[in-house]
Amino acid sequence: MVAAEYAGQAQTMNQVRRIFRLLAWWIGAGAVLLLGGCKDLFVPKQKVLVDSIAAPGIAKLSGQSYRLVARKSVVNSQAAQLPVIAACINSAFIQAGMFEAPPNVPSDIFIEVAYGMDTAGRMDPSTRESFLKLSARANHHRTIDSTQEEELWDVRVAIAGVAGRLESAMPLLSQVASLYAATDTRVEMTVEVLQNSPAVAAVRAGAIKILDEKNARGAPTAQPVGESK
């Protein structure tokens, strides 16, 4: 049974690599269009909806430790996607100067993770919204498990028109979420990100490295994050 479980994890990892290779091609295709001083003019851009709020006077992200916790609804319905989603989020926040708390060590904050595809009332695939929502809570009591302490910040990012697997959008969504986390946009806004963005490519590469390291250690990939209460 253990062998079958590892075989399943290996298959999942191969699927993940294929997804990221396709995303790498998508990013690289845009890079081919770079032309001298007008390089950004001819590179396709992805529109990302961003809505973030933050408590007054909260600490900057850099230097803080965190622990990811998935919403119970996510764990129950989309657990298979968690390893890739967690790897992308971890990669993005590492670039933002944060670090994941080691096992059995209290984190400075907890970050609750929710994601999915919103298809309600949208028959046209080009309008189907894929989203990532992150909510941070304080951990003043220095617990290992998730808390219900005050919310520090909340950020939701979304793009429309993802025809394939949700994971393929996660490097982009995670990078933008980490950029706007702990800020207040006041209203939902639209930002444009170049398809060949080095920051998004770095998140993708970092996520692949995280997944490969977990696989090499034989670490379980089925539960990369905890579960919020």
C-alpha atoms as a PDB file:
ATOM      1  CA  MET A   1       0.000   0.000   0.000  1.00  0.00           C
ATOM      2  CA  VAL A   2       2.904   2.355   0.751  1.00  0.00           C
ATOM      3  CA  ALA A   3       4.458   1.568  -2.605  1.00  0.00           C
ATOM      4  CA  ALA A   4       1.185   2.361  -4.336  1.00  0.00           C
ATOM      5  CA  GLU A   5       0.965   5.668  -2.442  1.00  0.00           C
ATOM      6  CA  TYR A   6       4.483   6.692  -3.527  1.00  0.00           C
ATOM      7  CA  ALA A   7       3.678   5.620  -7.096  1.00  0.00           C
ATOM      8  CA  GLY A   8       0.654   7.895  -6.975  1.00  0.00           C
ATOM      9  CA  GLN A   9       2.766  10.769  -5.629  1.00  0.00           C
ATOM     10  CA  ALA A  10       5.322  10.217  -8.419  1.00  0.00           C
ATOM     11  CA  GLN A  11       2.533  10.385 -11.001  1.00  0.00           C
ATOM     12  CA  THR A  12       1.271  13.610  -9.420  1.00  0.00           C
ATOM     13  CA  MET A  13       4.767  15.106  -9.538  1.00  0.00           C
ATOM     14  CA  ASN A  14       5.083  14.231 -13.238  1.00  0.00           C
ATOM     15  CA  GLN A  15       1.752  15.939 -13.917  1.00  0.00           C
ATOM     16  CA  VAL A  16       2.917  18.978 -11.968  1.00  0.00           C
ATOM     17  CA  ARG A  17       6.109  19.213 -14.002  1.00  0.00           C
ATOM     18  CA  ARG A  18       4.127  19.034 -17.251  1.00  0.00           C
ATOM     19  CA  ILE A  19       1.847  21.829 -16.032  1.00  0.00           C
ATOM     20  CA  PHE A  20       4.791  24.058 -15.144  1.00  0.00           C
ATOM     21  CA  ARG A  21       6.576  23.279 -18.421  1.00  0.00           C
ATOM     22  CA  LEU A  22       3.492  24.428 -20.317  1.00  0.00           C
ATOM     23  CA  LEU A  23       3.445  27.597 -18.229  1.00  0.00           C
ATOM     24  CA  ALA A  24       7.156  28.096 -18.927  1.00  0.00           C
ATOM     25  CA  TRP A  25       6.443  27.845 -22.659  1.00  0.00           C
ATOM     26  CA  TRP A  26       3.594  30.351 -22.270  1.00  0.00           C
ATOM     27  CA  ILE A  27       5.940  32.785 -20.531  1.00  0.00           C
ATOM     28  CA  GLY A  28       8.766  32.107 -22.981  1.00  0.00           C
ATOM     29  CA  ALA A  29       6.522  32.692 -25.989  1.00  0.00           C
ATOM     30  CA  GLY A  30       5.985  36.228 -24.783  1.00  0.00           C
ATOM     31  CA  ALA A  31       9.721  36.714 -24.293  1.00  0.00           C
ATOM     32  CA  VAL A  32      10.340  35.998 -27.997  1.00  0.00           C
ATOM     33  CA  LEU A  33       8.491  39.205 -28.805  1.00  0.00           C
ATOM     34  CA  LEU A  34      10.963  41.457 -27.002  1.00  0.00           C
ATOM     35  CA  LEU A  35      12.136  44.099 -29.467  1.00  0.00           C
ATOM     36  CA  GLY A  36      14.710  46.636 -28.280  1.00  0.00           C
ATOM     37  CA  GLY A  37      13.355  49.694 -26.482  1.00  0.00           C
ATOM     38  CA  CYS A  38       9.735  48.736 -27.319  1.00  0.00           C
ATOM     39  CA  LYS A  39       9.962  45.340 -25.645  1.00  0.00           C
ATOM     40  CA  ASP A  40       6.994  45.755 -23.295  1.00  0.00           C
ATOM     41  CA  LEU A  41       4.780  47.154 -26.055  1.00  0.00           C
ATOM     42  CA  PHE A  42       4.548  43.827 -27.869  1.00  0.00           C
ATOM     43  CA  VAL A  43       4.444  41.457 -24.885  1.00  0.00           C
ATOM     44  CA  PRO A  44       0.944  40.181 -23.997  1.00  0.00           C
ATOM     45  CA  LYS A  45      -0.296  41.133 -20.560  1.00  0.00           C
ATOM     46  CA  GLN A  46      -2.525  39.261 -18.156  1.00  0.00           C
ATOM     47  CA  LYS A  47      -5.190  41.238 -16.318  1.00  0.00           C
ATOM     48  CA  VAL A  48      -5.407  40.334 -12.630  1.00  0.00           C
ATOM     49  CA  LEU A  49      -8.189  41.463 -10.297  1.00  0.00           C
ATOM     50  CA  VAL A  50      -6.836  42.417  -6.867  1.00  0.00           C
ATOM     51  CA  ASP A  51      -8.796  43.181  -3.708  1.00  0.00           C
ATOM     52  CA  SER A  52      -6.862  43.536  -0.454  1.00  0.00           C
ATOM     53  CA  ILE A  53      -7.426  44.981   2.997  1.00  0.00           C
ATOM     54  CA  ALA A  54      -5.102  45.385   5.960  1.00  0.00           C
ATOM     55  CA  ALA A  55      -5.337  46.435   9.576  1.00  0.00           C
ATOM     56  CA  PRO A  56      -3.736  49.811  10.383  1.00  0.00           C
ATOM     57  CA  GLY A  57      -0.108  49.721  11.429  1.00  0.00           C
ATOM     58  CA  ILE A  58       0.571  46.048  10.766  1.00  0.00           C
ATOM     59  CA  ALA A  59       4.136  44.827  10.416  1.00  0.00           C
ATOM     60  CA  LYS A  60       5.769  44.476   7.022  1.00  0.00           C
ATOM     61  CA  LEU A  61       5.931  40.990   5.548  1.00  0.00           C
ATOM     62  CA  SER A  62       9.705  40.769   5.364  1.00  0.00           C
ATOM     63  CA  GLY A  63      11.258  38.824   8.219  1.00  0.00           C
ATOM     64  CA  GLN A  64       8.034  37.230   9.454  1.00  0.00           C
ATOM     65  CA  SER A  65       7.478  33.502   9.772  1.00  0.00           C
ATOM     66  CA  TYR A  66       4.191  31.970   8.701  1.00  0.00           C
ATOM     67  CA  ARG A  67       2.305  28.691   8.571  1.00  0.00           C
ATOM     68  CA  LEU A  68      -0.188  27.912   5.816  1.00  0.00           C
ATOM     69  CA  VAL A  69      -3.567  26.502   6.778  1.00  0.00           C
ATOM     70  CA  ALA A  70      -6.177  25.446   4.241  1.00  0.00           C
ATOM     71  CA  ARG A  71      -9.860  26.104   4.672  1.00  0.00           C
ATOM     72  CA  LYS A  72     -11.766  22.962   5.550  1.00  0.00           C
ATOM     73  CA  SER A  73     -13.865  23.273   2.407  1.00  0.00           C
ATOM     74  CA  VAL A  74     -10.694  23.279   0.295  1.00  0.00           C
ATOM     75  CA  VAL A  75      -9.283  20.201   2.023  1.00  0.00           C
ATOM     76  CA  ASN A  76     -12.529  18.308   1.565  1.00  0.00           C
ATOM     77  CA  SER A  77     -13.049  19.121  -2.096  1.00  0.00           C
ATOM     78  CA  GLN A  78      -9.655  19.871  -3.677  1.00  0.00           C
ATOM     79  CA  ALA A  79      -6.990  18.168  -1.565  1.00  0.00           C
ATOM     80  CA  ALA A  80      -5.157  16.777  -4.609  1.00  0.00           C
ATOM     81  CA  GLN A  81      -4.188  20.289  -5.705  1.00  0.00           C
ATOM     82  CA  LEU A  82      -2.782  21.363  -2.337  1.00  0.00           C
ATOM     83  CA  PRO A  83       0.884  20.395  -2.901  1.00  0.00           C
ATOM     84  CA  VAL A  84       1.201  22.587  -6.007  1.00  0.00           C
ATOM     85  CA  ILE A  85      -0.786  25.486  -4.553  1.00  0.00           C
ATOM     86  CA  ALA A  86       1.269  25.425  -1.334  1.00  0.00           C
ATOM     87  CA  ALA A  87       4.552  25.270  -3.252  1.00  0.00           C
ATOM     88  CA  CYS A  88       3.615  28.328  -5.336  1.00  0.00           C
ATOM     89  CA  ILE A  89       2.529  30.321  -2.278  1.00  0.00           C
ATOM     90  CA  ASN A  90       5.661  29.361  -0.356  1.00  0.00           C
ATOM     91  CA  SER A  91       7.858  30.319  -3.300  1.00  0.00           C
ATOM     92  CA  ALA A  92       6.156  33.719  -3.636  1.00  0.00           C
ATOM     93  CA  PHE A  93       6.388  34.573   0.062  1.00  0.00           C
ATOM     94  CA  ILE A  94      10.020  33.462   0.262  1.00  0.00           C
ATOM     95  CA  GLN A  95      10.721  36.030  -2.464  1.00  0.00           C
ATOM     96  CA  ALA A  96       8.852  38.593  -0.345  1.00  0.00           C
ATOM     97  CA  GLY A  97      11.312  37.987   2.504  1.00  0.00           C
ATOM     98  CA  MET A  98       9.157  35.708   4.652  1.00  0.00           C
ATOM     99  CA  PHE A  99       9.869  32.134   5.694  1.00  0.00           C
ATOM    100  CA  GLU A 100       7.786  29.107   6.547  1.00  0.00           C
ATOM    101  CA  ALA A 101       7.981  28.198  10.233  1.00  0.00           C
ATOM    102  CA  PRO A 102       9.716  24.839  10.884  1.00  0.00           C
ATOM    103  CA  PRO A 103       7.595  21.967  12.191  1.00  0.00           C
ATOM    104  CA  ASN A 104       6.686  22.280  15.885  1.00  0.00           C
ATOM    105  CA  VAL A 105       7.908  25.902  15.977  1.00  0.00           C
ATOM    106  CA  PRO A 106       5.297  28.655  16.486  1.00  0.00           C
ATOM    107  CA  SER A 107       4.909  31.008  13.547  1.00  0.00           C
ATOM    108  CA  ASP A 108       4.448  34.764  13.695  1.00  0.00           C
ATOM    109  CA  ILE A 109       1.256  34.520  11.657  1.00  0.00           C
ATOM    110  CA  PHE A 110      -1.081  31.961  10.129  1.00  0.00           C
ATOM    111  CA  ILE A 111      -2.125  32.333   6.502  1.00  0.00           C
ATOM    112  CA  GLU A 112      -5.429  30.721   5.595  1.00  0.00           C
ATOM    113  CA  VAL A 113      -5.596  29.537   1.992  1.00  0.00           C
ATOM    114  CA  ALA A 114      -8.649  29.314  -0.256  1.00  0.00           C
ATOM    115  CA  TYR A 115      -8.745  28.901  -4.032  1.00  0.00           C
ATOM    116  CA  GLY A 116     -10.931  27.642  -6.841  1.00  0.00           C
ATOM    117  CA  MET A 117     -12.716  28.359 -10.076  1.00  0.00           C
ATOM    118  CA  ASP A 118     -15.868  30.441  -9.965  1.00  0.00           C
ATOM    119  CA  THR A 119     -18.193  29.172 -12.685  1.00  0.00           C
ATOM    120  CA  ALA A 120     -21.483  30.447 -11.267  1.00  0.00           C
ATOM    121  CA  GLY A 121     -23.498  32.129 -14.002  1.00  0.00           C
ATOM    122  CA  ARG A 122     -20.595  32.016 -16.441  1.00  0.00           C
ATOM    123  CA  MET A 123     -21.162  29.735 -19.421  1.00  0.00           C
ATOM    124  CA  ASP A 124     -18.391  31.323 -21.479  1.00  0.00           C
ATOM    125  CA  PRO A 125     -15.006  29.749 -20.517  1.00  0.00           C
ATOM    126  CA  SER A 126     -13.266  33.054 -21.274  1.00  0.00           C
ATOM    127  CA  THR A 127     -15.069  34.639 -18.315  1.00  0.00           C
ATOM    128  CA  ARG A 128     -14.488  31.759 -15.873  1.00  0.00           C
ATOM    129  CA  GLU A 129     -12.668  33.186 -12.881  1.00  0.00           C
ATOM    130  CA  SER A 130      -9.793  31.400 -11.139  1.00  0.00           C
ATOM    131  CA  PHE A 131      -8.906  32.860  -7.762  1.00  0.00           C
ATOM    132  CA  LEU A 132      -6.575  32.645  -4.793  1.00  0.00           C
ATOM    133  CA  LYS A 133      -7.533  34.106  -1.420  1.00  0.00           C
ATOM    134  CA  LEU A 134      -5.111  34.474   1.500  1.00  0.00           C
ATOM    135  CA  SER A 135      -6.037  35.695   4.986  1.00  0.00           C
ATOM    136  CA  ALA A 136      -3.453  36.294   7.707  1.00  0.00           C
ATOM    137  CA  ARG A 137      -4.122  36.047  11.436  1.00  0.00           C
ATOM    138  CA  ALA A 138      -1.894  36.967  14.348  1.00  0.00           C
ATOM    139  CA  ASN A 139      -0.340  34.332  16.590  1.00  0.00           C
ATOM    140  CA  HIS A 140       0.316  36.268  19.801  1.00  0.00           C
ATOM    141  CA  HIS A 141      -0.212  33.149  21.911  1.00  0.00           C
ATOM    142  CA  ARG A 142       2.547  31.346  19.968  1.00  0.00           C
ATOM    143  CA  THR A 143       0.536  28.223  19.211  1.00  0.00           C
ATOM    144  CA  ILE A 144       1.318  25.536  16.648  1.00  0.00           C
ATOM    145  CA  ASP A 145      -2.263  25.076  15.522  1.00  0.00           C
ATOM    146  CA  SER A 146      -4.258  27.741  13.726  1.00  0.00           C
ATOM    147  CA  THR A 147      -5.886  30.436  15.832  1.00  0.00           C
ATOM    148  CA  GLN A 148      -8.917  32.688  15.689  1.00  0.00           C
ATOM    149  CA  GLU A 149      -6.982  35.795  16.689  1.00  0.00           C
ATOM    150  CA  GLU A 150      -7.516  39.074  14.874  1.00  0.00           C
ATOM    151  CA  GLU A 151      -7.183  39.183  11.121  1.00  0.00           C
ATOM    152  CA  LEU A 152      -4.176  41.196   9.968  1.00  0.00           C
ATOM    153  CA  TRP A 153      -4.703  41.277   6.243  1.00  0.00           C
ATOM    154  CA  ASP A 154      -6.692  39.654   3.477  1.00  0.00           C
ATOM    155  CA  VAL A 155      -5.959  39.546  -0.241  1.00  0.00           C
ATOM    156  CA  ARG A 156      -7.910  38.016  -3.116  1.00  0.00           C
ATOM    157  CA  VAL A 157      -6.518  37.805  -6.641  1.00  0.00           C
ATOM    158  CA  ALA A 158      -8.263  36.405  -9.698  1.00  0.00           C
ATOM    159  CA  ILE A 159      -7.897  35.996 -13.445  1.00  0.00           C
ATOM    160  CA  ALA A 160     -10.430  34.984 -16.082  1.00  0.00           C
ATOM    161  CA  GLY A 161     -10.170  32.536 -18.936  1.00  0.00           C
ATOM    162  CA  VAL A 162      -8.079  29.677 -17.515  1.00  0.00           C
ATOM    163  CA  ALA A 163      -9.096  26.763 -19.717  1.00  0.00           C
ATOM    164  CA  GLY A 164      -6.903  24.081 -18.152  1.00  0.00           C
ATOM    165  CA  ARG A 165      -5.989  23.059 -14.641  1.00  0.00           C
ATOM    166  CA  LEU A 166      -6.174  25.636 -11.875  1.00  0.00           C
ATOM    167  CA  GLU A 167      -2.576  24.929 -10.826  1.00  0.00           C
ATOM    168  CA  SER A 168      -1.272  26.456 -14.065  1.00  0.00           C
ATOM    169  CA  ALA A 169      -2.449  29.899 -12.896  1.00  0.00           C
ATOM    170  CA  MET A 170      -0.968  29.630  -9.408  1.00  0.00           C
ATOM    171  CA  PRO A 171       2.545  31.052 -10.023  1.00  0.00           C
ATOM    172  CA  LEU A 172       0.949  34.250 -11.359  1.00  0.00           C
ATOM    173  CA  LEU A 173      -1.756  34.438  -8.685  1.00  0.00           C
ATOM    174  CA  SER A 174       0.699  33.699  -5.860  1.00  0.00           C
ATOM    175  CA  GLN A 175       3.172  36.338  -7.029  1.00  0.00           C
ATOM    176  CA  VAL A 176       0.519  39.051  -7.253  1.00  0.00           C
ATOM    177  CA  ALA A 177      -0.995  38.002  -3.911  1.00  0.00           C
ATOM    178  CA  SER A 178       2.382  38.283  -2.178  1.00  0.00           C
ATOM    179  CA  LEU A 179       2.910  41.707  -3.756  1.00  0.00           C
ATOM    180  CA  TYR A 180      -0.370  43.118  -2.409  1.00  0.00           C
ATOM    181  CA  ALA A 181      -0.540  41.231   0.899  1.00  0.00           C
ATOM    182  CA  ALA A 182      -0.606  43.574   3.923  1.00  0.00           C
ATOM    183  CA  THR A 183      -1.762  46.481   1.748  1.00  0.00           C
ATOM    184  CA  ASP A 184      -5.160  48.116   1.345  1.00  0.00           C
ATOM    185  CA  THR A 185      -6.459  48.644  -2.184  1.00  0.00           C
ATOM    186  CA  ARG A 186      -9.719  50.084  -0.743  1.00  0.00           C
ATOM    187  CA  VAL A 187     -11.631  48.772  -3.775  1.00  0.00           C
ATOM    188  CA  GLU A 188     -11.101  45.950  -6.235  1.00  0.00           C
ATOM    189  CA  MET A 189      -8.612  46.996  -8.854  1.00  0.00           C
ATOM    190  CA  THR A 190      -7.149  45.579 -12.057  1.00  0.00           C
ATOM    191  CA  VAL A 191      -3.412  45.244 -12.582  1.00  0.00           C
ATOM    192  CA  GLU A 192      -1.617  44.043 -15.689  1.00  0.00           C
ATOM    193  CA  VAL A 193       1.283  41.598 -15.480  1.00  0.00           C
ATOM    194  CA  LEU A 194       3.563  40.825 -18.410  1.00  0.00           C
ATOM    195  CA  GLN A 195       3.315  37.188 -19.468  1.00  0.00           C
ATOM    196  CA  ASN A 196       7.116  36.973 -19.446  1.00  0.00           C
ATOM    197  CA  SER A 197       7.370  38.572 -15.994  1.00  0.00           C
ATOM    198  CA  PRO A 198      10.642  37.524 -14.305  1.00  0.00           C
ATOM    199  CA  ALA A 199       8.906  37.595 -10.912  1.00  0.00           C
ATOM    200  CA  VAL A 200       6.274  35.060 -12.023  1.00  0.00           C
ATOM    201  CA  ALA A 201       8.928  32.893 -13.650  1.00  0.00           C
ATOM    202  CA  ALA A 202      10.896  32.947 -10.392  1.00  0.00           C
ATOM    203  CA  VAL A 203       7.846  31.796  -8.423  1.00  0.00           C
ATOM    204  CA  ARG A 204       7.305  28.942 -10.862  1.00  0.00           C
ATOM    205  CA  ALA A 205      10.959  27.880 -10.660  1.00  0.00           C
ATOM    206  CA  GLY A 206      10.926  28.115  -6.870  1.00  0.00           C
ATOM    207  CA  ALA A 207       7.757  26.007  -6.672  1.00  0.00           C
ATOM    208  CA  ILE A 208       9.288  23.282  -8.825  1.00  0.00           C
ATOM    209  CA  LYS A 209      12.365  23.268  -6.592  1.00  0.00           C
ATOM    210  CA  ILE A 210      10.228  22.971  -3.446  1.00  0.00           C
ATOM    211  CA  LEU A 211       8.258  20.060  -4.896  1.00  0.00           C
ATOM    212  CA  ASP A 212      11.420  18.309  -6.104  1.00  0.00           C
ATOM    213  CA  GLU A 213      13.061  18.669  -2.685  1.00  0.00           C
ATOM    214  CA  LYS A 214       9.997  17.215  -0.945  1.00  0.00           C
ATOM    215  CA  ASN A 215       9.944  14.331  -3.386  1.00  0.00           C
ATOM    216  CA  ALA A 216      13.677  13.674  -2.937  1.00  0.00           C
ATOM    217  CA  ARG A 217      13.275  13.545   0.842  1.00  0.00           C
ATOM    218  CA  GLY A 218      10.329  11.225   0.511  1.00  0.00           C
ATOM    219  CA  ALA A 219       8.252  13.766   2.389  1.00  0.00           C
ATOM    220  CA  PRO A 220       4.481  13.339   2.135  1.00  0.00           C
ATOM    221  CA  THR A 221       2.941  15.697  -0.404  1.00  0.00           C
ATOM    222  CA  ALA A 222      -0.703  15.043   0.377  1.00  0.00           C
ATOM    223  CA  GLN A 223      -0.812  17.468   3.316  1.00  0.00           C
ATOM    224  CA  PRO A 224       1.516  20.428   2.644  1.00  0.00           C
ATOM    225  CA  VAL A 225      -0.600  22.744   4.770  1.00  0.00           C
ATOM    226  CA  GLY A 226      -2.636  22.377   7.897  1.00  0.00           C
ATOM    227  CA  GLU A 227      -6.377  22.747   8.164  1.00  0.00           C
ATOM    228  CA  SER A 228      -8.116  25.744   9.622  1.00  0.00           C
ATOM    229  CA  LYS A 229     -10.683  25.133  12.305  1.00  0.00           C
END
